[in-house]
Structures are given as C-alpha cells and as structure tokens.
C-alpha cells in the first residue's frame, strides 16, 4: 500500500470528508512524526509501533568504484519498532510469499 492508497481507503470509509482533506490530515501526521524525530523525540502509536531516531556512529567506508577509503560521518537514522497488536495481526501473512 502506498500513501495515495491509504488516503483513498480512509476517504472511502469517511464519505463526509473530502479526499483532499484526508490527504492534508495524513500529510500533517507524517510531517509531525518527521519533525519529532528530527528533534530527537520518540513517537509512539499504541498498538501500531514506535518511531525513534538511532545514532549511527562515524566509521570508515570504501568508495565502491575506486576502492579508496572514505570517512562516513555520524548520522541519525529513523527506526521503527512494531507494536504488540501489529505483530500479532501480521502473523497470518508470515508464511506467504509476496
């Protein structure tokens, strides 16, 4: 499912809302999650999961084209941990090929 599919599904379940309003709501939610992560905050949605930023330390890497050693700076990466309800709801699909 992509973002437009999510917006379409929410709009179909709530016919009193315009699709553009649903798109604005979904965008606002995603924007707030991104802003919270950029501040270093943790975002927890009960039953769904928790978003957090993990710090990946500086390291030495290699340029794949030349093989030269390069320094890779420290950076923060987004991390998502699924909630208990989401994990139990996804067990049905565990043995399926996608």
PDB file of N, CA and C in Angstrom:
ATOM      1  N   UNK A   1       0.850  -1.172   0.000  1.00  0.00           N
ATOM      2  CA  UNK A   1       0.000   0.000   0.000  1.00  0.00           C
ATOM      3  C   UNK A   1       0.895   1.235   0.000  1.00  0.00           C
ATOM      4  N   UNK A   2       0.571   2.176  -0.835  1.00  0.00           N
ATOM      5  CA  UNK A   2       1.300   3.442  -0.871  1.00  0.00           C
ATOM      6  C   UNK A   2       0.416   4.539  -0.277  1.00  0.00           C
ATOM      7  N   UNK A   3       0.989   5.726  -0.111  1.00  0.00           N
ATOM      8  CA  UNK A   3       0.278   6.802   0.579  1.00  0.00           C
ATOM      9  C   UNK A   3      -1.049   7.139  -0.094  1.00  0.00           C
ATOM     10  N   UNK A   4      -1.086   7.169  -1.413  1.00  0.00           N
ATOM     11  CA  UNK A   4      -2.337   7.502  -2.103  1.00  0.00           C
ATOM     12  C   UNK A   4      -3.400   6.422  -1.873  1.00  0.00           C
ATOM     13  N   UNK A   5      -2.982   5.156  -1.758  1.00  0.00           N
ATOM     14  CA  UNK A   5      -3.929   4.077  -1.440  1.00  0.00           C
ATOM     15  C   UNK A   5      -4.500   4.272  -0.033  1.00  0.00           C
ATOM     16  N   UNK A   6      -3.640   4.636   0.908  1.00  0.00           N
ATOM     17  CA  UNK A   6      -4.082   4.894   2.277  1.00  0.00           C
ATOM     18  C   UNK A   6      -5.091   6.037   2.312  1.00  0.00           C
ATOM     19  N   UNK A   7      -4.789   7.109   1.609  1.00  0.00           N
ATOM     20  CA  UNK A   7      -5.688   8.265   1.561  1.00  0.00           C
ATOM     21  C   UNK A   7      -7.023   7.871   0.945  1.00  0.00           C
ATOM     22  N   UNK A   8      -6.988   7.117  -0.152  1.00  0.00           N
ATOM     23  CA  UNK A   8      -8.215   6.674  -0.803  1.00  0.00           C
ATOM     24  C   UNK A   8      -9.064   5.784   0.088  1.00  0.00           C
ATOM     25  N   UNK A   9      -8.419   4.885   0.826  1.00  0.00           N
ATOM     26  CA  UNK A   9      -9.155   3.984   1.708  1.00  0.00           C
ATOM     27  C   UNK A   9      -9.795   4.739   2.869  1.00  0.00           C
ATOM     28  N   UNK A  10      -9.058   5.677   3.456  1.00  0.00           N
ATOM     29  CA  UNK A  10      -9.618   6.475   4.553  1.00  0.00           C
ATOM     30  C   UNK A  10     -10.772   7.331   4.048  1.00  0.00           C
ATOM     31  N   UNK A  11     -10.609   7.914   2.871  1.00  0.00           N
ATOM     32  CA  UNK A  11     -11.672   8.752   2.297  1.00  0.00           C
ATOM     33  C   UNK A  11     -12.922   7.934   1.998  1.00  0.00           C
ATOM     34  N   UNK A  12     -12.757   6.688   1.532  1.00  0.00           N
ATOM     35  CA  UNK A  12     -13.928   5.857   1.234  1.00  0.00           C
ATOM     36  C   UNK A  12     -14.647   5.420   2.511  1.00  0.00           C
ATOM     37  N   UNK A  13     -13.905   5.274   3.616  1.00  0.00           N
ATOM     38  CA  UNK A  13     -14.515   4.897   4.887  1.00  0.00           C
ATOM     39  C   UNK A  13     -15.171   6.083   5.589  1.00  0.00           C
ATOM     40  N   UNK A  14     -14.831   7.290   5.155  1.00  0.00           N
ATOM     41  CA  UNK A  14     -15.383   8.514   5.744  1.00  0.00           C
ATOM     42  C   UNK A  14     -15.921   9.401   4.634  1.00  0.00           C
ATOM     43  N   UNK A  15     -17.101   9.071   4.085  1.00  0.00           N
ATOM     44  CA  UNK A  15     -17.616   9.806   2.927  1.00  0.00           C
ATOM     45  C   UNK A  15     -17.930  11.276   3.221  1.00  0.00           C
ATOM     46  N   UNK A  16     -18.021  11.657   4.488  1.00  0.00           N
ATOM     47  CA  UNK A  16     -18.289  13.053   4.823  1.00  0.00           C
ATOM     48  C   UNK A  16     -17.040  13.924   4.694  1.00  0.00           C
ATOM     49  N   UNK A  17     -15.882  13.303   4.467  1.00  0.00           N
ATOM     50  CA  UNK A  17     -14.631  14.057   4.289  1.00  0.00           C
ATOM     51  C   UNK A  17     -14.228  14.056   2.821  1.00  0.00           C
ATOM     52  N   UNK A  18     -13.711  15.191   2.368  1.00  0.00           N
ATOM     53  CA  UNK A  18     -13.179  15.272   1.012  1.00  0.00           C
ATOM     54  C   UNK A  18     -11.816  14.586   0.977  1.00  0.00           C
ATOM     55  N   UNK A  19     -11.484  14.034  -0.177  1.00  0.00           N
ATOM     56  CA  UNK A  19     -10.215  13.327  -0.303  1.00  0.00           C
ATOM     57  C   UNK A  19      -9.036  14.280  -0.075  1.00  0.00           C
ATOM     58  N   UNK A  20      -9.134  15.521  -0.496  1.00  0.00           N
ATOM     59  CA  UNK A  20      -8.035  16.470  -0.299  1.00  0.00           C
ATOM     60  C   UNK A  20      -7.852  16.782   1.188  1.00  0.00           C
ATOM     61  N   UNK A  21      -8.965  16.775   1.962  1.00  0.00           N
ATOM     62  CA  UNK A  21      -8.849  16.994   3.404  1.00  0.00           C
ATOM     63  C   UNK A  21      -8.157  15.808   4.079  1.00  0.00           C
ATOM     64  N   UNK A  22      -8.482  14.602   3.647  1.00  0.00           N
ATOM     65  CA  UNK A  22      -7.839  13.404   4.183  1.00  0.00           C
ATOM     66  C   UNK A  22      -6.348  13.436   3.842  1.00  0.00           C
ATOM     67  N   UNK A  23      -6.022  13.851   2.620  1.00  0.00           N
ATOM     68  CA  UNK A  23      -4.612  13.951   2.220  1.00  0.00           C
ATOM     69  C   UNK A  23      -3.875  14.961   3.096  1.00  0.00           C
ATOM     70  N   UNK A  24      -4.515  16.084   3.417  1.00  0.00           N
ATOM     71  CA  UNK A  24      -3.895  17.083   4.284  1.00  0.00           C
ATOM     72  C   UNK A  24      -3.669  16.530   5.698  1.00  0.00           C
ATOM     73  N   UNK A  25      -4.628  15.751   6.194  1.00  0.00           N
ATOM     74  CA  UNK A  25      -4.506  15.158   7.525  1.00  0.00           C
ATOM     75  C   UNK A  25      -3.358  14.151   7.557  1.00  0.00           C
ATOM     76  N   UNK A  26      -3.298  13.273   6.563  1.00  0.00           N
ATOM     77  CA  UNK A  26      -2.236  12.268   6.502  1.00  0.00           C
ATOM     78  C   UNK A  26      -0.873  12.955   6.386  1.00  0.00           C
ATOM     79  N   UNK A  27      -0.781  13.988   5.533  1.00  0.00           N
ATOM     80  CA  UNK A  27       0.477  14.727   5.398  1.00  0.00           C
ATOM     81  C   UNK A  27       0.868  15.390   6.707  1.00  0.00           C
ATOM     82  N   UNK A  28      -0.103  15.955   7.425  1.00  0.00           N
ATOM     83  CA  UNK A  28       0.181  16.613   8.704  1.00  0.00           C
ATOM     84  C   UNK A  28       0.709  15.610   9.729  1.00  0.00           C
ATOM     85  N   UNK A  29       0.130  14.419   9.763  1.00  0.00           N
ATOM     86  CA  UNK A  29       0.595  13.380  10.689  1.00  0.00           C
ATOM     87  C   UNK A  29       2.027  12.980  10.364  1.00  0.00           C
ATOM     88  N   UNK A  30       2.300  12.723   9.090  1.00  0.00           N
ATOM     89  CA  UNK A  30       3.653  12.336   8.692  1.00  0.00           C
ATOM     90  C   UNK A  30       4.653  13.455   8.975  1.00  0.00           C
ATOM     91  N   UNK A  31       4.265  14.704   8.703  1.00  0.00           N
ATOM     92  CA  UNK A  31       5.151  15.844   8.957  1.00  0.00           C
ATOM     93  C   UNK A  31       5.484  15.967  10.442  1.00  0.00           C
ATOM     94  N   UNK A  32       4.499  15.756  11.305  1.00  0.00           N
ATOM     95  CA  UNK A  32       4.746  15.836  12.747  1.00  0.00           C
ATOM     96  C   UNK A  32       5.666  14.724  13.226  1.00  0.00           C
ATOM     97  N   UNK A  33       5.521  13.539  12.650  1.00  0.00           N
ATOM     98  CA  UNK A  33       6.415  12.434  13.006  1.00  0.00           C
ATOM     99  C   UNK A  33       7.845  12.785  12.605  1.00  0.00           C
ATOM    100  N   UNK A  34       8.019  13.323  11.402  1.00  0.00           N
ATOM    101  CA  UNK A  34       9.355  13.700  10.925  1.00  0.00           C
ATOM    102  C   UNK A  34       9.948  14.804  11.796  1.00  0.00           C
ATOM    103  N   UNK A  35       9.142  15.800  12.148  1.00  0.00           N
ATOM    104  CA  UNK A  35       9.634  16.894  12.998  1.00  0.00           C
ATOM    105  C   UNK A  35      10.054  16.373  14.377  1.00  0.00           C
ATOM    106  N   UNK A  36       9.258  15.474  14.939  1.00  0.00           N
ATOM    107  CA  UNK A  36       9.587  14.917  16.255  1.00  0.00           C
ATOM    108  C   UNK A  36      10.893  14.130  16.193  1.00  0.00           C
ATOM    109  N   UNK A  37      11.071  13.342  15.142  1.00  0.00           N
ATOM    110  CA  UNK A  37      12.308  12.567  15.001  1.00  0.00           C
ATOM    111  C   UNK A  37      13.511  13.482  14.813  1.00  0.00           C
ATOM    112  N   UNK A  38      13.332  14.577  14.087  1.00  0.00           N
ATOM    113  CA  UNK A  38      14.451  15.499  13.871  1.00  0.00           C
ATOM    114  C   UNK A  38      14.836  16.216  15.166  1.00  0.00           C
ATOM    115  N   UNK A  39      13.885  16.352  16.101  1.00  0.00           N
ATOM    116  CA  UNK A  39      14.186  16.929  17.423  1.00  0.00           C
ATOM    117  C   UNK A  39      14.798  15.892  18.359  1.00  0.00           C
ATOM    118  N   UNK A  40      14.782  14.625  17.956  1.00  0.00           N
ATOM    119  CA  UNK A  40      15.304  13.559  18.805  1.00  0.00           C
ATOM    120  C   UNK A  40      14.240  12.930  19.680  1.00  0.00           C
ATOM    121  N   UNK A  41      12.976  13.282  19.466  1.00  0.00           N
ATOM    122  CA  UNK A  41      11.883  12.711  20.244  1.00  0.00           C
ATOM    123  C   UNK A  41      11.508  11.336  19.718  1.00  0.00           C
ATOM    124  N   UNK A  42      10.771  10.605  20.521  1.00  0.00           N
ATOM    125  CA  UNK A  42      10.245   9.283  20.159  1.00  0.00           C
ATOM    126  C   UNK A  42       8.751   9.434  19.948  1.00  0.00           C
ATOM    127  N   UNK A  43       8.209   8.818  18.906  1.00  0.00           N
ATOM    128  CA  UNK A  43       6.780   8.884  18.605  1.00  0.00           C
ATOM    129  C   UNK A  43       6.205   7.486  18.768  1.00  0.00           C
ATOM    130  N   UNK A  44       5.273   7.343  19.707  1.00  0.00           N
ATOM    131  CA  UNK A  44       4.672   6.038  19.977  1.00  0.00           C
ATOM    132  C   UNK A  44       3.190   6.085  19.638  1.00  0.00           C
ATOM    133  N   UNK A  45       2.757   5.143  18.798  1.00  0.00           N
ATOM    134  CA  UNK A  45       1.347   4.984  18.456  1.00  0.00           C
ATOM    135  C   UNK A  45       0.927   3.630  19.030  1.00  0.00           C
ATOM    136  N   UNK A  46       0.189   3.662  20.123  1.00  0.00           N
ATOM    137  CA  UNK A  46      -0.170   2.430  20.845  1.00  0.00           C
ATOM    138  C   UNK A  46      -0.792   1.405  19.913  1.00  0.00           C
ATOM    139  N   UNK A  47      -0.308   0.181  19.987  1.00  0.00           N
ATOM    140  CA  UNK A  47      -0.821  -0.910  19.179  1.00  0.00           C
ATOM    141  C   UNK A  47      -0.215  -0.962  17.789  1.00  0.00           C
ATOM    142  N   UNK A  48       0.342   0.151  17.326  1.00  0.00           N
ATOM    143  CA  UNK A  48       0.928   0.204  15.982  1.00  0.00           C
ATOM    144  C   UNK A  48       2.431   0.051  16.049  1.00  0.00           C
ATOM    145  N   UNK A  49       3.077   0.941  16.805  1.00  0.00           N
ATOM    146  CA  UNK A  49       4.523   0.872  16.928  1.00  0.00           C
ATOM    147  C   UNK A  49       5.111   2.177  17.393  1.00  0.00           C
ATOM    148  N   UNK A  50       6.427   2.228  17.405  1.00  0.00           N
ATOM    149  CA  UNK A  50       7.132   3.409  17.877  1.00  0.00           C
ATOM    150  C   UNK A  50       8.225   3.789  16.884  1.00  0.00           C
ATOM    151  N   UNK A  51       8.298   5.072  16.582  1.00  0.00           N
ATOM    152  CA  UNK A  51       9.341   5.622  15.733  1.00  0.00           C
ATOM    153  C   UNK A  51      10.378   6.280  16.630  1.00  0.00           C
ATOM    154  N   UNK A  52      11.629   6.082  16.321  1.00  0.00           N
ATOM    155  CA  UNK A  52      12.692   6.759  17.054  1.00  0.00           C
ATOM    156  C   UNK A  52      13.855   6.978  16.103  1.00  0.00           C
ATOM    157  N   UNK A  53      14.792   7.817  16.525  1.00  0.00           N
ATOM    158  CA  UNK A  53      15.994   8.062  15.732  1.00  0.00           C
ATOM    159  C   UNK A  53      17.163   7.388  16.435  1.00  0.00           C
ATOM    160  N   UNK A  54      17.903   6.587  15.700  1.00  0.00           N
ATOM    161  CA  UNK A  54      19.088   5.931  16.253  1.00  0.00           C
ATOM    162  C   UNK A  54      20.318   6.600  15.656  1.00  0.00           C
ATOM    163  N   UNK A  55      21.316   6.762  16.502  1.00  0.00           N
ATOM    164  CA  UNK A  55      22.557   7.377  16.056  1.00  0.00           C
ATOM    165  C   UNK A  55      23.481   6.292  15.508  1.00  0.00           C
ATOM    166  N   UNK A  56      23.919   6.496  14.299  1.00  0.00           N
ATOM    167  CA  UNK A  56      24.887   5.597  13.687  1.00  0.00           C
ATOM    168  C   UNK A  56      26.230   6.323  13.732  1.00  0.00           C
ATOM    169  N   UNK A  57      27.184   5.751  14.411  1.00  0.00           N
ATOM    170  CA  UNK A  57      28.473   6.398  14.635  1.00  0.00           C
ATOM    171  C   UNK A  57      29.286   6.592  13.368  1.00  0.00           C
ATOM    172  N   UNK A  58      30.273   7.472  13.473  1.00  0.00           N
ATOM    173  CA  UNK A  58      31.191   7.689  12.359  1.00  0.00           C
ATOM    174  C   UNK A  58      31.998   6.416  12.115  1.00  0.00           C
ATOM    175  N   UNK A  59      32.366   6.208  10.864  1.00  0.00           N
ATOM    176  CA  UNK A  59      33.099   4.988  10.518  1.00  0.00           C
ATOM    177  C   UNK A  59      33.898   5.215   9.247  1.00  0.00           C
ATOM    178  N   UNK A  60      34.703   4.235   8.925  1.00  0.00           N
ATOM    179  CA  UNK A  60      35.448   4.266   7.669  1.00  0.00           C
ATOM    180  C   UNK A  60      34.710   3.397   6.667  1.00  0.00           C
ATOM    181  N   UNK A  61      34.542   3.913   5.470  1.00  0.00           N
ATOM    182  CA  UNK A  61      33.880   3.164   4.415  1.00  0.00           C
ATOM    183  C   UNK A  61      34.783   3.088   3.196  1.00  0.00           C
ATOM    184  N   UNK A  62      34.269   2.481   2.150  1.00  0.00           N
ATOM    185  CA  UNK A  62      35.043   2.377   0.911  1.00  0.00           C
ATOM    186  C   UNK A  62      34.211   2.880  -0.254  1.00  0.00           C
ATOM    187  N   UNK A  63      34.889   3.587  -1.147  1.00  0.00           N
ATOM    188  CA  UNK A  63      34.262   4.008  -2.396  1.00  0.00           C
ATOM    189  C   UNK A  63      34.184   2.762  -3.273  1.00  0.00           C
ATOM    190  N   UNK A  64      32.983   2.330  -3.666  1.00  0.00           N
ATOM    191  CA  UNK A  64      32.881   1.075  -4.421  1.00  0.00           C
ATOM    192  C   UNK A  64      33.536   1.149  -5.807  1.00  0.00           C
ATOM    193  N   UNK A  65      33.646   2.332  -6.364  1.00  0.00           N
ATOM    194  CA  UNK A  65      34.224   2.456  -7.697  1.00  0.00           C
ATOM    195  C   UNK A  65      35.751   2.385  -7.664  1.00  0.00           C
ATOM    196  N   UNK A  66      36.343   3.131  -6.712  1.00  0.00           N
ATOM    197  CA  UNK A  66      37.807   3.211  -6.679  1.00  0.00           C
ATOM    198  C   UNK A  66      38.429   2.332  -5.605  1.00  0.00           C
ATOM    199  N   UNK A  67      37.656   1.955  -4.612  1.00  0.00           N
ATOM    200  CA  UNK A  67      38.188   1.169  -3.510  1.00  0.00           C
ATOM    201  C   UNK A  67      38.894   2.014  -2.465  1.00  0.00           C
ATOM    202  N   UNK A  68      38.912   3.338  -2.674  1.00  0.00           N
ATOM    203  CA  UNK A  68      39.579   4.230  -1.723  1.00  0.00           C
ATOM    204  C   UNK A  68      38.786   4.298  -0.430  1.00  0.00           C
ATOM    205  N   UNK A  69      39.520   4.440   0.658  1.00  0.00           N
ATOM    206  CA  UNK A  69      38.888   4.548   1.967  1.00  0.00           C
ATOM    207  C   UNK A  69      38.347   5.965   2.158  1.00  0.00           C
ATOM    208  N   UNK A  70      37.104   6.082   2.639  1.00  0.00           N
ATOM    209  CA  UNK A  70      36.487   7.387   2.902  1.00  0.00           C
ATOM    210  C   UNK A  70      35.907   7.388   4.302  1.00  0.00           C
ATOM    211  N   UNK A  71      35.829   8.583   4.898  1.00  0.00           N
ATOM    212  CA  UNK A  71      35.228   8.715   6.221  1.00  0.00           C
ATOM    213  C   UNK A  71      33.734   8.976   6.052  1.00  0.00           C
ATOM    214  N   UNK A  72      32.946   8.237   6.791  1.00  0.00           N
ATOM    215  CA  UNK A  72      31.497   8.419   6.799  1.00  0.00           C
ATOM    216  C   UNK A  72      31.147   9.052   8.134  1.00  0.00           C
ATOM    217  N   UNK A  73      30.497  10.208   8.085  1.00  0.00           N
ATOM    218  CA  UNK A  73      30.180  10.961   9.295  1.00  0.00           C
ATOM    219  C   UNK A  73      29.081  10.286  10.110  1.00  0.00           C
ATOM    220  N   UNK A  74      29.008  10.658  11.376  1.00  0.00           N
ATOM    221  CA  UNK A  74      27.934  10.186  12.256  1.00  0.00           C
ATOM    222  C   UNK A  74      26.612  10.733  11.723  1.00  0.00           C
ATOM    223  N   UNK A  75      25.561   9.918  11.819  1.00  0.00           N
ATOM    224  CA  UNK A  75      24.247  10.387  11.368  1.00  0.00           C
ATOM    225  C   UNK A  75      23.151   9.690  12.159  1.00  0.00           C
ATOM    226  N   UNK A  76      21.977  10.307  12.132  1.00  0.00           N
ATOM    227  CA  UNK A  76      20.802   9.732  12.777  1.00  0.00           C
ATOM    228  C   UNK A  76      19.946   9.076  11.702  1.00  0.00           C
ATOM    229  N   UNK A  77      19.480   7.868  11.983  1.00  0.00           N
ATOM    230  CA  UNK A  77      18.619   7.161  11.038  1.00  0.00           C
ATOM    231  C   UNK A  77      17.291   6.854  11.711  1.00  0.00           C
ATOM    232  N   UNK A  78      16.187   6.889  10.951  1.00  0.00           N
ATOM    233  CA  UNK A  78      14.892   6.559  11.547  1.00  0.00           C
ATOM    234  C   UNK A  78      14.792   5.056  11.812  1.00  0.00           C
ATOM    235  N   UNK A  79      14.133   4.711  12.907  1.00  0.00           N
ATOM    236  CA  UNK A  79      13.969   3.319  13.306  1.00  0.00           C
ATOM    237  C   UNK A  79      12.514   3.124  13.716  1.00  0.00           C
ATOM    238  N   UNK A  80      11.921   2.007  13.316  1.00  0.00           N
ATOM    239  CA  UNK A  80      10.534   1.703  13.669  1.00  0.00           C
ATOM    240  C   UNK A  80      10.481   0.350  14.349  1.00  0.00           C
ATOM    241  N   UNK A  81       9.846   0.297  15.505  1.00  0.00           N
ATOM    242  CA  UNK A  81       9.639  -0.964  16.220  1.00  0.00           C
ATOM    243  C   UNK A  81       8.138  -1.212  16.260  1.00  0.00           C
ATOM    244  N   UNK A  82       7.720  -2.366  15.766  1.00  0.00           N
ATOM    245  CA  UNK A  82       6.294  -2.666  15.707  1.00  0.00           C
ATOM    246  C   UNK A  82       5.722  -2.876  17.096  1.00  0.00           C
ATOM    247  N   UNK A  83       4.441  -2.542  17.233  1.00  0.00           N
ATOM    248  CA  UNK A  83       3.726  -2.758  18.475  1.00  0.00           C
ATOM    249  C   UNK A  83       3.214  -4.187  18.572  1.00  0.00           C
ATOM    250  N   UNK A  84       2.774  -4.543  19.749  1.00  0.00           N
ATOM    251  CA  UNK A  84       2.319  -5.913  20.011  1.00  0.00           C
ATOM    252  C   UNK A  84       1.119  -6.282  19.137  1.00  0.00           C
ATOM    253  N   UNK A  85       0.149  -5.373  19.022  1.00  0.00           N
ATOM    254  CA  UNK A  85      -1.041  -5.668  18.219  1.00  0.00           C
ATOM    255  C   UNK A  85      -0.698  -5.816  16.744  1.00  0.00           C
ATOM    256  N   UNK A  86       0.226  -5.002  16.250  1.00  0.00           N
ATOM    257  CA  UNK A  86       0.606  -5.106  14.850  1.00  0.00           C
ATOM    258  C   UNK A  86       1.322  -6.427  14.586  1.00  0.00           C
ATOM    259  N   UNK A  87       2.214  -6.820  15.482  1.00  0.00           N
ATOM    260  CA  UNK A  87       2.922  -8.090  15.299  1.00  0.00           C
ATOM    261  C   UNK A  87       1.948  -9.260  15.289  1.00  0.00           C
ATOM    262  N   UNK A  88       0.983  -9.253  16.194  1.00  0.00           N
ATOM    263  CA  UNK A  88       0.036 -10.365  16.241  1.00  0.00           C
ATOM    264  C   UNK A  88      -0.900 -10.330  15.038  1.00  0.00           C
ATOM    265  N   UNK A  89      -1.200  -9.159  14.513  1.00  0.00           N
ATOM    266  CA  UNK A  89      -2.059  -9.054  13.336  1.00  0.00           C
ATOM    267  C   UNK A  89      -1.377  -9.465  12.053  1.00  0.00           C
ATOM    268  N   UNK A  90      -0.058  -9.405  12.010  1.00  0.00           N
ATOM    269  CA  UNK A  90       0.691  -9.750  10.802  1.00  0.00           C
ATOM    270  C   UNK A  90       1.102 -11.206  10.747  1.00  0.00           C
ATOM    271  N   UNK A  91       0.828 -11.975  11.775  1.00  0.00           N
ATOM    272  CA  UNK A  91       1.247 -13.383  11.788  1.00  0.00           C
ATOM    273  C   UNK A  91       0.572 -14.189  10.690  1.00  0.00           C
ATOM    274  N   UNK A  92      -0.616 -13.802  10.283  1.00  0.00           N
ATOM    275  CA  UNK A  92      -1.338 -14.504   9.238  1.00  0.00           C
ATOM    276  C   UNK A  92      -0.512 -14.532   7.943  1.00  0.00           C
ATOM    277  N   UNK A  93       0.221 -13.456   7.677  1.00  0.00           N
ATOM    278  CA  UNK A  93       0.969 -13.330   6.426  1.00  0.00           C
ATOM    279  C   UNK A  93       2.393 -13.840   6.517  1.00  0.00           C
ATOM    280  N   UNK A  94       2.804 -14.357   7.670  1.00  0.00           N
ATOM    281  CA  UNK A  94       4.205 -14.741   7.873  1.00  0.00           C
ATOM    282  C   UNK A  94       4.662 -15.834   6.907  1.00  0.00           C
ATOM    283  N   UNK A  95       3.813 -16.788   6.574  1.00  0.00           N
ATOM    284  CA  UNK A  95       4.235 -17.877   5.700  1.00  0.00           C
ATOM    285  C   UNK A  95       3.993 -17.619   4.226  1.00  0.00           C
ATOM    286  N   UNK A  96       3.367 -16.525   3.892  1.00  0.00           N
ATOM    287  CA  UNK A  96       3.048 -16.218   2.494  1.00  0.00           C
ATOM    288  C   UNK A  96       4.228 -15.597   1.760  1.00  0.00           C
ATOM    289  N   UNK A  97       4.300 -15.883   0.476  1.00  0.00           N
ATOM    290  CA  UNK A  97       5.281 -15.205  -0.380  1.00  0.00           C
ATOM    291  C   UNK A  97       4.629 -13.961  -0.941  1.00  0.00           C
ATOM    292  N   UNK A  98       5.431 -12.912  -1.071  1.00  0.00           N
ATOM    293  CA  UNK A  98       4.878 -11.656  -1.607  1.00  0.00           C
ATOM    294  C   UNK A  98       5.477 -11.335  -2.923  1.00  0.00           C
TER     295      UNK A  98
END
